[in-house]
N, C-alpha and C. Protein backbone atom coordinates (compact mmCIF):
# COMPACT_ATOMS: atom_id res chain seq x y z
N MET A 1 17.25 -3.35 7.75
CA MET A 1 18.62 -3.74 7.49
C MET A 1 18.85 -5.15 8.01
N ILE A 2 19.40 -5.98 7.16
CA ILE A 2 19.69 -7.36 7.54
C ILE A 2 21.18 -7.49 7.77
N ILE A 3 21.50 -7.99 8.92
CA ILE A 3 22.90 -8.22 9.27
C ILE A 3 23.09 -9.73 9.40
N SER A 4 24.01 -10.23 8.66
CA SER A 4 24.29 -11.67 8.77
C SER A 4 25.69 -11.86 9.29
N THR A 5 25.83 -12.89 10.05
CA THR A 5 27.16 -13.23 10.55
C THR A 5 27.57 -14.53 9.89
N VAL A 6 28.77 -14.56 9.41
CA VAL A 6 29.29 -15.75 8.77
C VAL A 6 30.33 -16.36 9.70
N LYS A 7 30.12 -17.60 10.03
CA LYS A 7 31.07 -18.29 10.89
C LYS A 7 32.06 -19.04 10.00
N TYR A 8 33.32 -18.79 10.22
CA TYR A 8 34.36 -19.50 9.49
C TYR A 8 34.44 -20.92 10.03
N THR A 9 34.40 -21.87 9.15
CA THR A 9 34.54 -23.27 9.53
C THR A 9 35.86 -23.78 8.99
N SER A 10 36.68 -24.29 9.87
CA SER A 10 37.99 -24.77 9.45
C SER A 10 37.86 -26.10 8.72
N LYS A 11 38.90 -26.46 8.00
CA LYS A 11 38.92 -27.75 7.31
C LYS A 11 38.79 -28.89 8.31
N THR A 12 39.41 -28.72 9.45
CA THR A 12 39.33 -29.75 10.49
C THR A 12 37.90 -29.93 10.96
N ASP A 13 37.19 -28.83 11.19
CA ASP A 13 35.79 -28.91 11.62
C ASP A 13 34.94 -29.61 10.56
N ILE A 14 35.21 -29.33 9.30
CA ILE A 14 34.47 -29.95 8.20
C ILE A 14 34.73 -31.45 8.16
N ILE A 15 36.00 -31.83 8.24
CA ILE A 15 36.36 -33.24 8.21
C ILE A 15 35.74 -33.97 9.41
N VAL A 16 35.77 -33.34 10.58
CA VAL A 16 35.20 -33.96 11.78
C VAL A 16 33.70 -34.18 11.60
N SER A 17 32.99 -33.20 11.04
CA SER A 17 31.55 -33.38 10.82
C SER A 17 31.28 -34.51 9.83
N MET A 18 32.14 -34.65 8.84
CA MET A 18 32.00 -35.75 7.88
C MET A 18 32.24 -37.09 8.56
N LEU A 19 33.27 -37.16 9.38
CA LEU A 19 33.59 -38.41 10.07
C LEU A 19 32.46 -38.82 11.02
N GLU A 20 31.89 -37.84 11.70
CA GLU A 20 30.76 -38.11 12.59
C GLU A 20 29.57 -38.66 11.81
N ALA A 21 29.29 -38.06 10.66
CA ALA A 21 28.16 -38.50 9.84
C ALA A 21 28.37 -39.90 9.29
N ALA A 22 29.61 -40.27 9.05
CA ALA A 22 29.93 -41.57 8.45
C ALA A 22 30.30 -42.62 9.49
N ARG A 23 30.24 -42.25 10.74
CA ARG A 23 30.70 -43.15 11.81
C ARG A 23 30.05 -44.53 11.73
N TYR A 24 28.76 -44.58 11.48
CA TYR A 24 28.05 -45.86 11.44
C TYR A 24 27.62 -46.23 10.03
N GLY A 25 28.33 -45.73 9.06
CA GLY A 25 28.03 -46.04 7.67
C GLY A 25 27.09 -45.02 7.08
N GLY A 26 27.62 -43.92 6.59
CA GLY A 26 26.80 -42.84 6.08
C GLY A 26 26.79 -42.76 4.57
N MET A 27 25.63 -42.45 4.05
CA MET A 27 25.53 -42.21 2.61
C MET A 27 26.05 -40.81 2.31
N LYS A 28 26.39 -40.58 1.07
CA LYS A 28 26.95 -39.30 0.67
C LYS A 28 26.01 -38.15 1.01
N THR A 29 24.70 -38.34 0.84
CA THR A 29 23.76 -37.26 1.13
C THR A 29 23.75 -36.92 2.62
N LYS A 30 23.85 -37.91 3.49
CA LYS A 30 23.90 -37.65 4.93
C LYS A 30 25.14 -36.83 5.29
N ILE A 31 26.26 -37.21 4.71
CA ILE A 31 27.51 -36.49 4.96
C ILE A 31 27.41 -35.07 4.39
N MET A 32 26.82 -34.95 3.21
CA MET A 32 26.69 -33.65 2.55
C MET A 32 25.85 -32.70 3.41
N TYR A 33 24.72 -33.17 3.93
CA TYR A 33 23.86 -32.31 4.74
C TYR A 33 24.49 -31.97 6.08
N SER A 34 25.24 -32.89 6.65
CA SER A 34 25.86 -32.61 7.95
C SER A 34 26.99 -31.59 7.84
N SER A 35 27.61 -31.52 6.67
CA SER A 35 28.72 -30.57 6.49
C SER A 35 28.28 -29.30 5.76
N TYR A 36 27.01 -29.21 5.37
CA TYR A 36 26.45 -28.04 4.70
C TYR A 36 27.15 -27.73 3.39
N PHE A 37 27.48 -28.76 2.64
CA PHE A 37 28.14 -28.60 1.35
C PHE A 37 27.26 -29.11 0.23
N SER A 38 27.52 -28.59 -0.95
CA SER A 38 26.91 -29.18 -2.13
C SER A 38 27.69 -30.44 -2.47
N SER A 39 27.13 -31.23 -3.35
CA SER A 39 27.80 -32.46 -3.76
C SER A 39 29.16 -32.16 -4.37
N HIS A 40 29.22 -31.11 -5.16
CA HIS A 40 30.48 -30.72 -5.81
C HIS A 40 31.53 -30.31 -4.78
N GLN A 41 31.14 -29.51 -3.79
CA GLN A 41 32.08 -29.06 -2.77
C GLN A 41 32.55 -30.22 -1.90
N LEU A 42 31.65 -31.14 -1.65
CA LEU A 42 31.97 -32.26 -0.77
C LEU A 42 32.98 -33.21 -1.37
N ARG A 43 32.98 -33.34 -2.68
CA ARG A 43 33.84 -34.31 -3.36
C ARG A 43 35.32 -34.16 -2.96
N ALA A 44 35.81 -32.93 -2.93
CA ALA A 44 37.22 -32.69 -2.60
C ALA A 44 37.53 -33.13 -1.16
N TYR A 45 36.60 -32.88 -0.25
CA TYR A 45 36.83 -33.26 1.14
C TYR A 45 36.75 -34.78 1.32
N LEU A 46 35.84 -35.42 0.59
CA LEU A 46 35.77 -36.88 0.65
C LEU A 46 37.07 -37.50 0.15
N GLU A 47 37.57 -36.98 -0.95
CA GLU A 47 38.83 -37.48 -1.50
C GLU A 47 39.97 -37.28 -0.51
N LEU A 48 40.00 -36.12 0.13
CA LEU A 48 41.04 -35.82 1.12
C LEU A 48 40.97 -36.79 2.30
N ALA A 49 39.76 -37.03 2.81
CA ALA A 49 39.59 -37.92 3.96
C ALA A 49 39.95 -39.36 3.60
N ILE A 50 39.59 -39.78 2.40
CA ILE A 50 39.92 -41.15 1.97
C ILE A 50 41.43 -41.28 1.76
N LYS A 51 42.02 -40.29 1.11
CA LYS A 51 43.47 -40.31 0.85
C LYS A 51 44.27 -40.39 2.15
N ASN A 52 43.76 -39.76 3.21
CA ASN A 52 44.46 -39.76 4.49
C ASN A 52 44.03 -40.89 5.41
N GLY A 53 43.24 -41.82 4.89
CA GLY A 53 42.86 -43.00 5.66
C GLY A 53 41.83 -42.75 6.75
N LEU A 54 41.08 -41.67 6.66
CA LEU A 54 40.09 -41.35 7.68
C LEU A 54 38.71 -41.90 7.33
N LEU A 55 38.44 -42.05 6.06
CA LEU A 55 37.18 -42.59 5.56
C LEU A 55 37.47 -43.72 4.59
N ALA A 56 36.55 -44.66 4.51
CA ALA A 56 36.62 -45.72 3.51
C ALA A 56 35.26 -45.77 2.81
N TYR A 57 35.27 -46.16 1.54
CA TYR A 57 34.04 -46.26 0.78
C TYR A 57 33.75 -47.71 0.46
N ASP A 58 32.55 -48.15 0.80
CA ASP A 58 32.10 -49.50 0.49
C ASP A 58 31.22 -49.40 -0.75
N SER A 59 31.74 -49.82 -1.89
CA SER A 59 31.02 -49.66 -3.15
C SER A 59 29.81 -50.58 -3.25
N THR A 60 29.81 -51.71 -2.55
CA THR A 60 28.65 -52.60 -2.62
C THR A 60 27.45 -52.01 -1.87
N LYS A 61 27.72 -51.38 -0.75
CA LYS A 61 26.64 -50.74 0.03
C LYS A 61 26.45 -49.28 -0.33
N GLN A 62 27.39 -48.73 -1.09
CA GLN A 62 27.42 -47.31 -1.47
C GLN A 62 27.34 -46.41 -0.24
N ARG A 63 28.21 -46.72 0.70
CA ARG A 63 28.27 -45.96 1.95
C ARG A 63 29.72 -45.68 2.33
N TYR A 64 29.90 -44.58 3.04
CA TYR A 64 31.20 -44.23 3.59
C TYR A 64 31.23 -44.68 5.03
N LYS A 65 32.39 -45.08 5.49
CA LYS A 65 32.55 -45.53 6.86
C LYS A 65 33.81 -44.91 7.44
N THR A 66 33.69 -44.41 8.65
CA THR A 66 34.84 -43.85 9.35
C THR A 66 35.77 -44.99 9.74
N THR A 67 37.05 -44.85 9.38
CA THR A 67 38.03 -45.89 9.68
C THR A 67 38.49 -45.78 11.13
N GLU A 68 39.31 -46.73 11.54
CA GLU A 68 39.88 -46.68 12.89
C GLU A 68 40.69 -45.39 13.09
N GLU A 69 41.43 -45.01 12.06
CA GLU A 69 42.22 -43.77 12.12
C GLU A 69 41.29 -42.56 12.26
N GLY A 70 40.18 -42.59 11.55
CA GLY A 70 39.20 -41.51 11.65
C GLY A 70 38.56 -41.45 13.02
N LEU A 71 38.27 -42.61 13.60
CA LEU A 71 37.71 -42.66 14.95
C LEU A 71 38.70 -42.11 15.96
N ARG A 72 39.97 -42.39 15.74
CA ARG A 72 41.02 -41.86 16.63
C ARG A 72 41.07 -40.33 16.54
N LEU A 73 40.96 -39.81 15.32
CA LEU A 73 40.93 -38.36 15.15
C LEU A 73 39.73 -37.75 15.89
N LEU A 74 38.56 -38.39 15.79
CA LEU A 74 37.38 -37.89 16.50
C LEU A 74 37.61 -37.87 18.01
N GLU A 75 38.25 -38.91 18.50
CA GLU A 75 38.55 -38.99 19.94
C GLU A 75 39.49 -37.85 20.35
N LEU A 76 40.55 -37.66 19.58
CA LEU A 76 41.50 -36.59 19.90
C LEU A 76 40.85 -35.21 19.79
N TYR A 77 40.04 -35.02 18.78
CA TYR A 77 39.35 -33.74 18.59
C TYR A 77 38.42 -33.45 19.76
N GLY A 78 37.73 -34.49 20.23
CA GLY A 78 36.86 -34.32 21.40
C GLY A 78 37.64 -33.99 22.65
N ASN A 79 38.80 -34.60 22.81
CA ASN A 79 39.64 -34.34 23.99
C ASN A 79 40.19 -32.92 23.98
N ILE A 80 40.49 -32.40 22.81
CA ILE A 80 41.00 -31.03 22.72
C ILE A 80 39.95 -30.06 23.26
N GLY A 81 38.71 -30.30 22.94
CA GLY A 81 37.63 -29.44 23.42
C GLY A 81 37.47 -29.48 24.93
N LYS A 82 37.94 -30.54 25.57
CA LYS A 82 37.82 -30.68 27.02
C LYS A 82 38.96 -30.03 27.79
N LEU A 83 40.02 -29.63 27.06
CA LEU A 83 41.17 -29.04 27.74
C LEU A 83 40.80 -27.71 28.38
N GLU A 84 41.21 -27.53 29.57
CA GLU A 84 41.04 -26.26 30.25
C GLU A 84 42.40 -25.84 30.78
N LEU A 85 42.94 -24.82 30.18
CA LEU A 85 44.23 -24.33 30.63
C LEU A 85 44.01 -23.14 31.56
N ALA A 86 44.61 -23.22 32.71
CA ALA A 86 44.48 -22.13 33.67
C ALA A 86 45.24 -20.91 33.15
N PRO A 87 44.61 -19.74 33.17
CA PRO A 87 45.29 -18.53 32.70
C PRO A 87 46.60 -18.25 33.43
N SER A 88 46.71 -18.68 34.68
CA SER A 88 47.95 -18.45 35.42
C SER A 88 49.10 -19.26 34.84
N ALA A 89 48.79 -20.29 34.09
CA ALA A 89 49.83 -21.12 33.47
C ALA A 89 50.39 -20.46 32.21
N TRP A 90 49.69 -19.49 31.69
CA TRP A 90 50.14 -18.80 30.49
C TRP A 90 51.16 -17.75 30.87
N THR A 91 52.26 -17.74 30.21
CA THR A 91 53.27 -16.74 30.49
C THR A 91 53.60 -15.99 29.22
N MET A 92 53.80 -14.74 29.36
CA MET A 92 54.19 -13.89 28.23
C MET A 92 55.70 -13.72 28.28
N PRO A 93 56.35 -13.79 27.15
CA PRO A 93 57.80 -13.60 27.14
C PRO A 93 58.17 -12.20 27.64
N GLN A 94 59.20 -12.15 28.43
CA GLN A 94 59.68 -10.87 28.97
C GLN A 94 60.65 -10.24 27.98
N LYS A 95 60.60 -8.93 27.86
CA LYS A 95 61.50 -8.19 26.97
C LYS A 95 62.83 -7.96 27.61
């Protein structure tokens, strides 16, 4: 019996992996492999990232580059992972 576990990947996680791959000028194939998408699946996410100013495409070099806004998102995303909230700070509403 084969049991497989499927990990749900959020849109944010996908965009972040794309931005990381394009940080220093990534080709579409590099971005595609880093996000585990086919070329067809990747197209919609590339369009979304470009539309929101997170990625830019250099047609002369045929490479994607993470914009300043995209780099800021990567920084914020990394900082979120570093947050440690003490359980004592969590309060449940009283009835």
